[in-house]
Amino acid sequence: MMRDAREWHASTHTDWALMMQAAQGGDTVTYRRLLRDLVPFLRAMAVKVTGRPDMADDVVQETLIAVHRVRASYDPARPFQPWVVSILRRRAIDLLRAQGRRGQTADLIDAANIADPHSTNAVDQIEARQTLAQALSALTPGQRQAIELMKLRELSLKEAAHESGLSIPALKVATHRAVKALSAAWGHRAL
């Protein structure tokens, strides 16, 4: 049975702080053990923070990657648990936001990926395709390109910026404005 985050004792947290300090000193065996020992605690915290057991493993993985990247920033004079929990919270929020964006654009992506027009929902599919085509044609060329690269082809910001020749901030602005315009044209919840 998964333990709740409250059940971890102060001595464990002290051990983790000492283990991180050793890892910062180059002890790779202790560092691997620390990461392995953190997993049950992080999983319990991920469920608590997100309320989504199905996301726990993703949050844990992202947290461990972040801990690895910023391990030098840990100050051994400070408690370890709040440091690692703050990393977990940020990773959980990032994943929830990313999932929300994917969910919010589902209607747009579904409309763009309409299958066989001869299916049982052919009329709905044709109308959705027409609505999408009209909405896309009303966008500026930069916004249309941003939507195609970021939402339909699902490129990363870096990849889309490279392909479009736009800076990352300009691409973010174009995507935001395009999504807002498409949402208004779509006639229901924000994308």
N, C-alpha and C. Protein backbone atom coordinates (compact mmCIF):
# COMPACT_ATOMS: atom_id res chain seq x y z
N MET A 1 0.84 -1.18 0.00
CA MET A 1 0.00 0.00 0.00
C MET A 1 0.88 1.24 0.00
N MET A 2 0.51 2.25 -0.80
CA MET A 2 1.29 3.46 -0.91
C MET A 2 1.16 4.29 0.36
N ARG A 3 2.28 4.72 0.87
CA ARG A 3 2.25 5.54 2.08
C ARG A 3 1.94 6.99 1.71
N ASP A 4 1.24 7.65 2.58
CA ASP A 4 0.97 9.07 2.41
C ASP A 4 2.25 9.83 2.74
N ALA A 5 2.43 11.01 2.16
CA ALA A 5 3.64 11.80 2.39
C ALA A 5 3.85 12.11 3.86
N ARG A 6 2.77 12.21 4.64
CA ARG A 6 2.88 12.51 6.07
C ARG A 6 3.59 11.40 6.84
N GLU A 7 3.58 10.20 6.29
CA GLU A 7 4.09 9.05 7.02
C GLU A 7 5.62 8.94 6.99
N TRP A 8 6.27 9.74 6.17
CA TRP A 8 7.72 9.69 6.14
C TRP A 8 8.23 10.43 7.37
N HIS A 9 9.15 9.84 8.06
CA HIS A 9 9.63 10.39 9.33
C HIS A 9 10.74 11.41 9.10
N ALA A 10 10.94 12.24 10.09
CA ALA A 10 11.98 13.28 10.02
C ALA A 10 13.35 12.65 9.81
N SER A 11 13.59 11.48 10.39
CA SER A 11 14.89 10.84 10.22
C SER A 11 15.15 10.49 8.76
N THR A 12 14.08 10.08 8.04
CA THR A 12 14.22 9.80 6.62
C THR A 12 14.62 11.05 5.88
N HIS A 13 13.99 12.17 6.22
CA HIS A 13 14.30 13.44 5.55
C HIS A 13 15.73 13.86 5.83
N THR A 14 16.19 13.62 7.07
CA THR A 14 17.58 13.92 7.41
C THR A 14 18.51 13.04 6.60
N ASP A 15 18.15 11.76 6.48
CA ASP A 15 18.95 10.85 5.67
C ASP A 15 19.01 11.33 4.22
N TRP A 16 17.88 11.77 3.69
CA TRP A 16 17.86 12.26 2.32
C TRP A 16 18.76 13.49 2.16
N ALA A 17 18.72 14.37 3.15
CA ALA A 17 19.57 15.57 3.09
C ALA A 17 21.04 15.16 3.10
N LEU A 18 21.39 14.21 3.96
CA LEU A 18 22.78 13.74 4.01
C LEU A 18 23.17 13.03 2.72
N MET A 19 22.22 12.27 2.17
CA MET A 19 22.49 11.58 0.91
C MET A 19 22.70 12.58 -0.22
N MET A 20 21.90 13.63 -0.26
CA MET A 20 22.06 14.64 -1.31
C MET A 20 23.39 15.36 -1.14
N GLN A 21 23.76 15.63 0.10
CA GLN A 21 25.04 16.28 0.35
C GLN A 21 26.19 15.38 -0.15
N ALA A 22 26.09 14.09 0.11
CA ALA A 22 27.11 13.14 -0.37
C ALA A 22 27.11 13.11 -1.90
N ALA A 23 25.92 13.13 -2.49
CA ALA A 23 25.82 13.12 -3.95
C ALA A 23 26.46 14.37 -4.55
N GLN A 24 26.24 15.50 -3.89
CA GLN A 24 26.87 16.74 -4.37
C GLN A 24 28.39 16.64 -4.30
N GLY A 25 28.87 15.82 -3.38
CA GLY A 25 30.31 15.61 -3.25
C GLY A 25 30.86 14.58 -4.22
N GLY A 26 29.97 14.00 -5.05
CA GLY A 26 30.43 13.07 -6.07
C GLY A 26 30.14 11.61 -5.80
N ASP A 27 29.43 11.30 -4.73
CA ASP A 27 29.12 9.91 -4.39
C ASP A 27 27.93 9.43 -5.25
N THR A 28 28.23 8.79 -6.37
CA THR A 28 27.19 8.38 -7.31
C THR A 28 26.35 7.22 -6.79
N VAL A 29 26.94 6.35 -6.00
CA VAL A 29 26.19 5.21 -5.45
C VAL A 29 25.11 5.74 -4.50
N THR A 30 25.47 6.65 -3.63
CA THR A 30 24.50 7.24 -2.70
C THR A 30 23.45 8.04 -3.46
N TYR A 31 23.87 8.73 -4.51
CA TYR A 31 22.94 9.51 -5.30
C TYR A 31 21.88 8.60 -5.95
N ARG A 32 22.31 7.50 -6.52
CA ARG A 32 21.35 6.56 -7.12
C ARG A 32 20.40 6.00 -6.07
N ARG A 33 20.93 5.71 -4.91
CA ARG A 33 20.08 5.21 -3.81
C ARG A 33 19.07 6.27 -3.37
N LEU A 34 19.52 7.52 -3.28
CA LEU A 34 18.61 8.61 -2.92
C LEU A 34 17.46 8.70 -3.92
N LEU A 35 17.78 8.71 -5.20
CA LEU A 35 16.73 8.82 -6.22
C LEU A 35 15.77 7.64 -6.12
N ARG A 36 16.30 6.45 -5.94
CA ARG A 36 15.45 5.26 -5.81
C ARG A 36 14.57 5.35 -4.55
N ASP A 37 15.16 5.81 -3.45
CA ASP A 37 14.41 5.93 -2.19
C ASP A 37 13.34 7.01 -2.25
N LEU A 38 13.54 8.01 -3.06
CA LEU A 38 12.58 9.11 -3.17
C LEU A 38 11.30 8.71 -3.91
N VAL A 39 11.36 7.73 -4.77
CA VAL A 39 10.24 7.41 -5.65
C VAL A 39 8.91 7.20 -4.92
N PRO A 40 8.83 6.37 -3.87
CA PRO A 40 7.53 6.19 -3.21
C PRO A 40 6.99 7.50 -2.60
N PHE A 41 7.88 8.28 -2.00
CA PHE A 41 7.48 9.56 -1.42
C PHE A 41 6.98 10.50 -2.52
N LEU A 42 7.73 10.59 -3.61
CA LEU A 42 7.33 11.48 -4.71
C LEU A 42 6.01 11.03 -5.33
N ARG A 43 5.82 9.72 -5.46
CA ARG A 43 4.57 9.20 -6.03
C ARG A 43 3.38 9.60 -5.15
N ALA A 44 3.53 9.44 -3.84
CA ALA A 44 2.46 9.82 -2.91
C ALA A 44 2.19 11.33 -3.00
N MET A 45 3.24 12.11 -3.06
CA MET A 45 3.08 13.56 -3.16
C MET A 45 2.44 13.95 -4.50
N ALA A 46 2.81 13.27 -5.56
CA ALA A 46 2.25 13.57 -6.88
C ALA A 46 0.75 13.35 -6.90
N VAL A 47 0.31 12.26 -6.29
CA VAL A 47 -1.13 11.98 -6.21
C VAL A 47 -1.81 13.05 -5.37
N LYS A 48 -1.19 13.41 -4.27
CA LYS A 48 -1.76 14.42 -3.39
C LYS A 48 -1.86 15.78 -4.09
N VAL A 49 -0.81 16.17 -4.79
CA VAL A 49 -0.76 17.48 -5.44
C VAL A 49 -1.70 17.55 -6.64
N THR A 50 -1.73 16.52 -7.46
CA THR A 50 -2.53 16.57 -8.69
C THR A 50 -3.94 16.03 -8.51
N GLY A 51 -4.12 15.14 -7.52
CA GLY A 51 -5.41 14.47 -7.39
C GLY A 51 -5.63 13.47 -8.51
N ARG A 52 -4.56 13.14 -9.22
CA ARG A 52 -4.66 12.27 -10.39
C ARG A 52 -3.64 11.12 -10.29
N PRO A 53 -4.05 9.97 -9.77
CA PRO A 53 -3.12 8.84 -9.66
C PRO A 53 -2.53 8.43 -11.02
N ASP A 54 -3.29 8.65 -12.09
CA ASP A 54 -2.80 8.28 -13.41
C ASP A 54 -1.63 9.15 -13.88
N MET A 55 -1.42 10.30 -13.25
CA MET A 55 -0.32 11.19 -13.63
C MET A 55 0.90 11.02 -12.75
N ALA A 56 0.79 10.24 -11.69
CA ALA A 56 1.85 10.16 -10.68
C ALA A 56 3.21 9.78 -11.28
N ASP A 57 3.23 8.75 -12.12
CA ASP A 57 4.51 8.31 -12.67
C ASP A 57 5.16 9.39 -13.53
N ASP A 58 4.36 10.10 -14.31
CA ASP A 58 4.91 11.18 -15.14
C ASP A 58 5.47 12.30 -14.27
N VAL A 59 4.76 12.65 -13.21
CA VAL A 59 5.22 13.71 -12.31
C VAL A 59 6.51 13.27 -11.62
N VAL A 60 6.56 12.02 -11.17
CA VAL A 60 7.76 11.50 -10.52
C VAL A 60 8.94 11.55 -11.47
N GLN A 61 8.74 11.10 -12.69
CA GLN A 61 9.83 11.09 -13.66
C GLN A 61 10.34 12.50 -13.93
N GLU A 62 9.42 13.43 -14.17
CA GLU A 62 9.81 14.81 -14.42
C GLU A 62 10.52 15.42 -13.21
N THR A 63 10.07 15.06 -12.02
CA THR A 63 10.69 15.58 -10.80
C THR A 63 12.11 15.05 -10.65
N LEU A 64 12.30 13.76 -10.89
CA LEU A 64 13.64 13.19 -10.77
C LEU A 64 14.60 13.80 -11.80
N ILE A 65 14.11 14.05 -12.98
CA ILE A 65 14.94 14.71 -14.00
C ILE A 65 15.31 16.11 -13.54
N ALA A 66 14.33 16.84 -13.01
CA ALA A 66 14.59 18.20 -12.54
C ALA A 66 15.57 18.19 -11.35
N VAL A 67 15.39 17.25 -10.42
CA VAL A 67 16.31 17.14 -9.28
C VAL A 67 17.73 16.91 -9.80
N HIS A 68 17.85 16.04 -10.78
CA HIS A 68 19.18 15.77 -11.34
C HIS A 68 19.78 17.04 -11.95
N ARG A 69 18.97 17.78 -12.67
CA ARG A 69 19.46 19.01 -13.33
C ARG A 69 19.88 20.07 -12.32
N VAL A 70 19.15 20.20 -11.23
CA VAL A 70 19.39 21.31 -10.29
C VAL A 70 20.00 20.84 -8.97
N ARG A 71 20.54 19.64 -8.94
CA ARG A 71 21.05 19.09 -7.68
C ARG A 71 22.11 19.97 -7.04
N ALA A 72 22.86 20.69 -7.83
CA ALA A 72 23.89 21.58 -7.28
C ALA A 72 23.28 22.75 -6.52
N SER A 73 22.01 23.06 -6.79
CA SER A 73 21.38 24.20 -6.13
C SER A 73 20.87 23.87 -4.72
N TYR A 74 20.87 22.60 -4.37
CA TYR A 74 20.40 22.24 -3.03
C TYR A 74 21.39 22.75 -1.99
N ASP A 75 20.88 23.45 -0.99
CA ASP A 75 21.69 23.98 0.10
C ASP A 75 21.57 23.03 1.28
N PRO A 76 22.64 22.30 1.63
CA PRO A 76 22.57 21.34 2.73
C PRO A 76 22.20 21.96 4.08
N ALA A 77 22.29 23.27 4.20
CA ALA A 77 21.90 23.92 5.45
C ALA A 77 20.38 24.04 5.57
N ARG A 78 19.69 23.75 4.51
CA ARG A 78 18.22 23.85 4.51
C ARG A 78 17.61 22.45 4.46
N PRO A 79 16.35 22.32 4.88
CA PRO A 79 15.69 20.99 4.82
C PRO A 79 15.53 20.50 3.38
N PHE A 80 15.72 19.22 3.21
CA PHE A 80 15.64 18.61 1.88
C PHE A 80 14.20 18.49 1.38
N GLN A 81 13.30 18.03 2.26
CA GLN A 81 11.93 17.75 1.82
C GLN A 81 11.25 18.95 1.16
N PRO A 82 11.25 20.15 1.75
CA PRO A 82 10.59 21.28 1.08
C PRO A 82 11.22 21.59 -0.29
N TRP A 83 12.52 21.39 -0.39
CA TRP A 83 13.21 21.65 -1.66
C TRP A 83 12.69 20.70 -2.74
N VAL A 84 12.65 19.40 -2.42
CA VAL A 84 12.22 18.43 -3.43
C VAL A 84 10.72 18.55 -3.71
N VAL A 85 9.92 18.87 -2.69
CA VAL A 85 8.48 19.02 -2.88
C VAL A 85 8.18 20.23 -3.77
N SER A 86 8.94 21.31 -3.61
CA SER A 86 8.71 22.48 -4.46
C SER A 86 9.02 22.15 -5.92
N ILE A 87 10.04 21.35 -6.14
CA ILE A 87 10.33 20.90 -7.51
C ILE A 87 9.18 20.06 -8.04
N LEU A 88 8.70 19.13 -7.23
CA LEU A 88 7.59 18.28 -7.64
C LEU A 88 6.35 19.11 -7.97
N ARG A 89 6.03 20.09 -7.14
CA ARG A 89 4.85 20.92 -7.39
C ARG A 89 4.97 21.65 -8.73
N ARG A 90 6.13 22.20 -9.01
CA ARG A 90 6.32 22.90 -10.29
C ARG A 90 6.18 21.94 -11.47
N ARG A 91 6.75 20.76 -11.35
CA ARG A 91 6.63 19.78 -12.45
C ARG A 91 5.18 19.34 -12.61
N ALA A 92 4.48 19.13 -11.51
CA ALA A 92 3.07 18.73 -11.57
C ALA A 92 2.24 19.81 -12.25
N ILE A 93 2.46 21.05 -11.88
CA ILE A 93 1.73 22.16 -12.50
C ILE A 93 2.02 22.23 -13.99
N ASP A 94 3.29 22.08 -14.35
CA ASP A 94 3.65 22.09 -15.78
C ASP A 94 2.93 20.99 -16.54
N LEU A 95 2.90 19.79 -15.96
CA LEU A 95 2.23 18.67 -16.64
C LEU A 95 0.73 18.88 -16.72
N LEU A 96 0.13 19.40 -15.66
CA LEU A 96 -1.31 19.68 -15.69
C LEU A 96 -1.63 20.75 -16.74
N ARG A 97 -0.81 21.77 -16.81
CA ARG A 97 -1.03 22.81 -17.82
C ARG A 97 -0.89 22.24 -19.22
N ALA A 98 0.15 21.45 -19.43
CA ALA A 98 0.36 20.85 -20.76
C ALA A 98 -0.81 19.95 -21.13
N GLN A 99 -1.28 19.18 -20.17
CA GLN A 99 -2.42 18.30 -20.43
C GLN A 99 -3.67 19.12 -20.72
N GLY A 100 -3.84 20.21 -20.01
CA GLY A 100 -4.98 21.10 -20.25
C GLY A 100 -4.94 21.70 -21.64
N ARG A 101 -3.74 22.12 -22.07
CA ARG A 101 -3.62 22.68 -23.43
C ARG A 101 -3.95 21.63 -24.47
N ARG A 102 -3.46 20.40 -24.24
CA ARG A 102 -3.78 19.34 -25.20
C ARG A 102 -5.28 19.07 -25.22
N GLY A 103 -5.90 19.05 -24.05
CA GLY A 103 -7.33 18.82 -23.97
C GLY A 103 -8.12 19.96 -24.58
N GLN A 104 -7.64 21.19 -24.37
CA GLN A 104 -8.35 22.35 -24.90
C GLN A 104 -8.28 22.41 -26.41
N THR A 105 -7.24 21.89 -27.00
CA THR A 105 -7.12 21.94 -28.45
C THR A 105 -7.65 20.67 -29.11
N ALA A 106 -8.22 19.78 -28.33
CA ALA A 106 -8.69 18.51 -28.89
C ALA A 106 -9.72 18.71 -29.99
N ASP A 107 -10.65 19.65 -29.83
CA ASP A 107 -11.65 19.87 -30.86
C ASP A 107 -11.00 20.31 -32.17
N LEU A 108 -10.04 21.18 -32.08
CA LEU A 108 -9.35 21.67 -33.27
C LEU A 108 -8.59 20.53 -33.94
N ILE A 109 -7.86 19.76 -33.16
CA ILE A 109 -7.08 18.66 -33.72
C ILE A 109 -8.00 17.58 -34.28
N ASP A 110 -9.08 17.27 -33.56
CA ASP A 110 -10.04 16.29 -34.06
C ASP A 110 -10.63 16.75 -35.39
N ALA A 111 -10.96 18.01 -35.49
CA ALA A 111 -11.53 18.52 -36.74
C ALA A 111 -10.51 18.45 -37.87
N ALA A 112 -9.26 18.69 -37.56
CA ALA A 112 -8.21 18.67 -38.58
C ALA A 112 -7.90 17.25 -39.03
N ASN A 113 -8.16 16.29 -38.19
CA ASN A 113 -7.84 14.89 -38.49
C ASN A 113 -9.09 14.08 -38.82
N ILE A 114 -10.09 14.71 -39.37
CA ILE A 114 -11.34 14.03 -39.68
C ILE A 114 -11.07 12.87 -40.63
N ALA A 115 -11.66 11.76 -40.29
CA ALA A 115 -11.42 10.55 -41.08
C ALA A 115 -12.33 10.50 -42.30
N ASP A 116 -12.76 9.37 -42.66
CA ASP A 116 -13.56 9.09 -43.84
C ASP A 116 -14.87 9.89 -43.83
N PRO A 117 -15.10 10.74 -44.85
CA PRO A 117 -16.34 11.51 -44.89
C PRO A 117 -17.56 10.63 -45.16
N HIS A 118 -17.36 9.36 -45.45
CA HIS A 118 -18.48 8.45 -45.71
C HIS A 118 -18.92 7.71 -44.45
N SER A 119 -18.34 8.07 -43.31
CA SER A 119 -18.72 7.39 -42.08
C SER A 119 -20.12 7.82 -41.66
N THR A 120 -20.60 7.26 -40.57
CA THR A 120 -21.96 7.55 -40.11
C THR A 120 -22.15 9.01 -39.71
N ASN A 121 -21.07 9.69 -39.35
CA ASN A 121 -21.15 11.10 -38.97
C ASN A 121 -20.67 12.00 -40.11
N ALA A 122 -20.89 11.63 -41.32
CA ALA A 122 -20.36 12.36 -42.47
C ALA A 122 -20.78 13.82 -42.48
N VAL A 123 -22.04 14.10 -42.19
CA VAL A 123 -22.51 15.49 -42.21
C VAL A 123 -21.78 16.31 -41.15
N ASP A 124 -21.68 15.77 -39.95
CA ASP A 124 -20.97 16.47 -38.87
C ASP A 124 -19.51 16.68 -39.23
N GLN A 125 -18.90 15.66 -39.83
CA GLN A 125 -17.49 15.77 -40.20
C GLN A 125 -17.28 16.83 -41.28
N ILE A 126 -18.14 16.86 -42.25
CA ILE A 126 -18.02 17.85 -43.32
C ILE A 126 -18.22 19.25 -42.76
N GLU A 127 -19.22 19.43 -41.89
CA GLU A 127 -19.44 20.74 -41.29
C GLU A 127 -18.25 21.16 -40.43
N ALA A 128 -17.70 20.23 -39.68
CA ALA A 128 -16.54 20.55 -38.84
C ALA A 128 -15.35 20.94 -39.70
N ARG A 129 -15.14 20.21 -40.79
CA ARG A 129 -14.04 20.53 -41.70
C ARG A 129 -14.23 21.92 -42.30
N GLN A 130 -15.46 22.24 -42.70
CA GLN A 130 -15.74 23.56 -43.28
C GLN A 130 -15.53 24.67 -42.24
N THR A 131 -16.00 24.44 -41.02
CA THR A 131 -15.82 25.43 -39.96
C THR A 131 -14.34 25.65 -39.69
N LEU A 132 -13.59 24.58 -39.63
CA LEU A 132 -12.15 24.70 -39.40
C LEU A 132 -11.48 25.44 -40.55
N ALA A 133 -11.81 25.08 -41.77
CA ALA A 133 -11.21 25.73 -42.94
C ALA A 133 -11.52 27.23 -42.94
N GLN A 134 -12.77 27.59 -42.62
CA GLN A 134 -13.13 29.01 -42.56
C GLN A 134 -12.36 29.72 -41.45
N ALA A 135 -12.29 29.10 -40.30
CA ALA A 135 -11.59 29.71 -39.17
C ALA A 135 -10.10 29.87 -39.49
N LEU A 136 -9.49 28.86 -40.08
CA LEU A 136 -8.07 28.96 -40.44
C LEU A 136 -7.83 30.01 -41.51
N SER A 137 -8.74 30.13 -42.45
CA SER A 137 -8.55 31.12 -43.52
C SER A 137 -8.67 32.55 -43.00
N ALA A 138 -9.35 32.73 -41.87
CA ALA A 138 -9.49 34.07 -41.29
C ALA A 138 -8.24 34.50 -40.51
N LEU A 139 -7.34 33.57 -40.25
CA LEU A 139 -6.12 33.89 -39.50
C LEU A 139 -5.10 34.58 -40.40
N THR A 140 -4.20 35.32 -39.77
CA THR A 140 -3.09 35.89 -40.54
C THR A 140 -2.18 34.73 -40.95
N PRO A 141 -1.35 34.93 -41.98
CA PRO A 141 -0.45 33.85 -42.39
C PRO A 141 0.45 33.36 -41.25
N GLY A 142 0.94 34.26 -40.42
CA GLY A 142 1.79 33.86 -39.29
C GLY A 142 1.04 33.04 -38.27
N GLN A 143 -0.21 33.42 -38.00
CA GLN A 143 -1.03 32.67 -37.05
C GLN A 143 -1.36 31.29 -37.60
N ARG A 144 -1.69 31.25 -38.90
CA ARG A 144 -2.02 29.97 -39.53
C ARG A 144 -0.81 29.03 -39.46
N GLN A 145 0.38 29.57 -39.74
CA GLN A 145 1.59 28.77 -39.68
C GLN A 145 1.86 28.30 -38.25
N ALA A 146 1.64 29.17 -37.28
CA ALA A 146 1.86 28.81 -35.87
C ALA A 146 0.94 27.66 -35.48
N ILE A 147 -0.33 27.73 -35.85
CA ILE A 147 -1.28 26.67 -35.53
C ILE A 147 -0.88 25.37 -36.22
N GLU A 148 -0.51 25.46 -37.46
CA GLU A 148 -0.12 24.24 -38.17
C GLU A 148 1.08 23.57 -37.50
N LEU A 149 2.10 24.36 -37.18
CA LEU A 149 3.31 23.80 -36.60
C LEU A 149 3.11 23.33 -35.15
N MET A 150 2.47 24.18 -34.35
CA MET A 150 2.39 23.91 -32.90
C MET A 150 1.25 22.97 -32.53
N LYS A 151 0.11 23.12 -33.16
CA LYS A 151 -1.07 22.35 -32.73
C LYS A 151 -1.36 21.15 -33.62
N LEU A 152 -1.25 21.33 -34.91
CA LEU A 152 -1.60 20.22 -35.80
C LEU A 152 -0.43 19.26 -35.99
N ARG A 153 0.78 19.79 -36.18
CA ARG A 153 1.95 18.92 -36.33
C ARG A 153 2.61 18.63 -34.99
N GLU A 154 2.20 19.35 -33.95
CA GLU A 154 2.67 19.16 -32.57
C GLU A 154 4.19 19.24 -32.44
N LEU A 155 4.80 20.22 -33.11
CA LEU A 155 6.23 20.45 -32.96
C LEU A 155 6.49 21.17 -31.65
N SER A 156 7.67 21.03 -31.13
CA SER A 156 8.06 21.78 -29.94
C SER A 156 8.24 23.24 -30.34
N LEU A 157 8.27 24.11 -29.34
CA LEU A 157 8.49 25.54 -29.62
C LEU A 157 9.79 25.74 -30.39
N LYS A 158 10.83 25.07 -29.96
CA LYS A 158 12.13 25.22 -30.61
C LYS A 158 12.09 24.75 -32.07
N GLU A 159 11.47 23.60 -32.30
CA GLU A 159 11.36 23.07 -33.66
C GLU A 159 10.53 23.99 -34.55
N ALA A 160 9.40 24.45 -34.00
CA ALA A 160 8.51 25.33 -34.78
C ALA A 160 9.18 26.66 -35.07
N ALA A 161 9.92 27.19 -34.11
CA ALA A 161 10.63 28.45 -34.32
C ALA A 161 11.68 28.29 -35.42
N HIS A 162 12.39 27.18 -35.37
CA HIS A 162 13.41 26.92 -36.39
C HIS A 162 12.78 26.80 -37.78
N GLU A 163 11.70 26.05 -37.87
CA GLU A 163 11.06 25.83 -39.17
C GLU A 163 10.40 27.10 -39.71
N SER A 164 9.81 27.89 -38.83
CA SER A 164 9.09 29.09 -39.28
C SER A 164 10.00 30.30 -39.46
N GLY A 165 11.15 30.27 -38.80
CA GLY A 165 12.03 31.43 -38.84
C GLY A 165 11.62 32.51 -37.84
N LEU A 166 10.61 32.24 -37.02
CA LEU A 166 10.16 33.18 -36.01
C LEU A 166 10.92 32.93 -34.71
N SER A 167 11.03 33.97 -33.89
CA SER A 167 11.60 33.78 -32.56
C SER A 167 10.58 33.02 -31.71
N ILE A 168 11.04 32.42 -30.65
CA ILE A 168 10.13 31.68 -29.76
C ILE A 168 9.06 32.61 -29.19
N PRO A 169 9.42 33.82 -28.70
CA PRO A 169 8.36 34.71 -28.20
C PRO A 169 7.34 35.09 -29.28
N ALA A 170 7.81 35.35 -30.50
CA ALA A 170 6.88 35.70 -31.58
C ALA A 170 5.97 34.53 -31.92
N LEU A 171 6.51 33.32 -31.88
CA LEU A 171 5.73 32.12 -32.15
C LEU A 171 4.68 31.91 -31.06
N LYS A 172 5.05 32.15 -29.81
CA LYS A 172 4.09 32.02 -28.70
C LYS A 172 2.94 33.01 -28.88
N VAL A 173 3.27 34.25 -29.23
CA VAL A 173 2.24 35.27 -29.41
C VAL A 173 1.33 34.88 -30.57
N ALA A 174 1.90 34.47 -31.69
CA ALA A 174 1.09 34.08 -32.86
C ALA A 174 0.19 32.90 -32.52
N THR A 175 0.71 31.93 -31.81
CA THR A 175 -0.09 30.77 -31.43
C THR A 175 -1.22 31.17 -30.49
N HIS A 176 -0.91 31.99 -29.51
CA HIS A 176 -1.94 32.44 -28.56
C HIS A 176 -3.06 33.19 -29.29
N ARG A 177 -2.68 34.10 -30.16
CA ARG A 177 -3.69 34.88 -30.89
C ARG A 177 -4.49 34.00 -31.83
N ALA A 178 -3.84 33.05 -32.45
CA ALA A 178 -4.54 32.14 -33.36
C ALA A 178 -5.54 31.27 -32.60
N VAL A 179 -5.12 30.74 -31.47
CA VAL A 179 -6.01 29.90 -30.67
C VAL A 179 -7.21 30.71 -30.20
N LYS A 180 -6.96 31.94 -29.81
CA LYS A 180 -8.05 32.82 -29.35
C LYS A 180 -9.04 33.08 -30.50
N ALA A 181 -8.51 33.36 -31.68
CA ALA A 181 -9.36 33.62 -32.85
C ALA A 181 -10.13 32.36 -33.25
N LEU A 182 -9.46 31.21 -33.22
CA LEU A 182 -10.13 29.96 -33.57
C LEU A 182 -11.20 29.60 -32.54
N SER A 183 -10.92 29.89 -31.30
CA SER A 183 -11.91 29.63 -30.25
C SER A 183 -13.17 30.44 -30.50
N ALA A 184 -13.00 31.71 -30.84
CA ALA A 184 -14.15 32.56 -31.12
C ALA A 184 -14.90 32.05 -32.35
N ALA A 185 -14.17 31.64 -33.36
CA ALA A 185 -14.80 31.14 -34.59
C ALA A 185 -15.48 29.79 -34.35
N TRP A 186 -14.90 28.98 -33.49
CA TRP A 186 -15.44 27.66 -33.22
C TRP A 186 -16.77 27.75 -32.49
N GLY A 187 -16.93 28.82 -31.70
CA GLY A 187 -18.23 29.08 -31.09
C GLY A 187 -18.49 28.38 -29.78
N HIS A 188 -17.46 27.82 -29.13
CA HIS A 188 -17.65 27.23 -27.82
C HIS A 188 -16.38 27.37 -27.01
N ARG A 189 -16.22 26.58 -25.98
CA ARG A 189 -15.16 26.77 -25.00
C ARG A 189 -13.83 27.11 -25.63
N ALA A 190 -13.04 27.84 -24.85
CA ALA A 190 -11.73 28.28 -25.33
C ALA A 190 -10.88 27.08 -25.67
N LEU A 191 -10.10 27.23 -26.71
CA LEU A 191 -9.21 26.15 -27.13
C LEU A 191 -7.95 26.16 -26.31
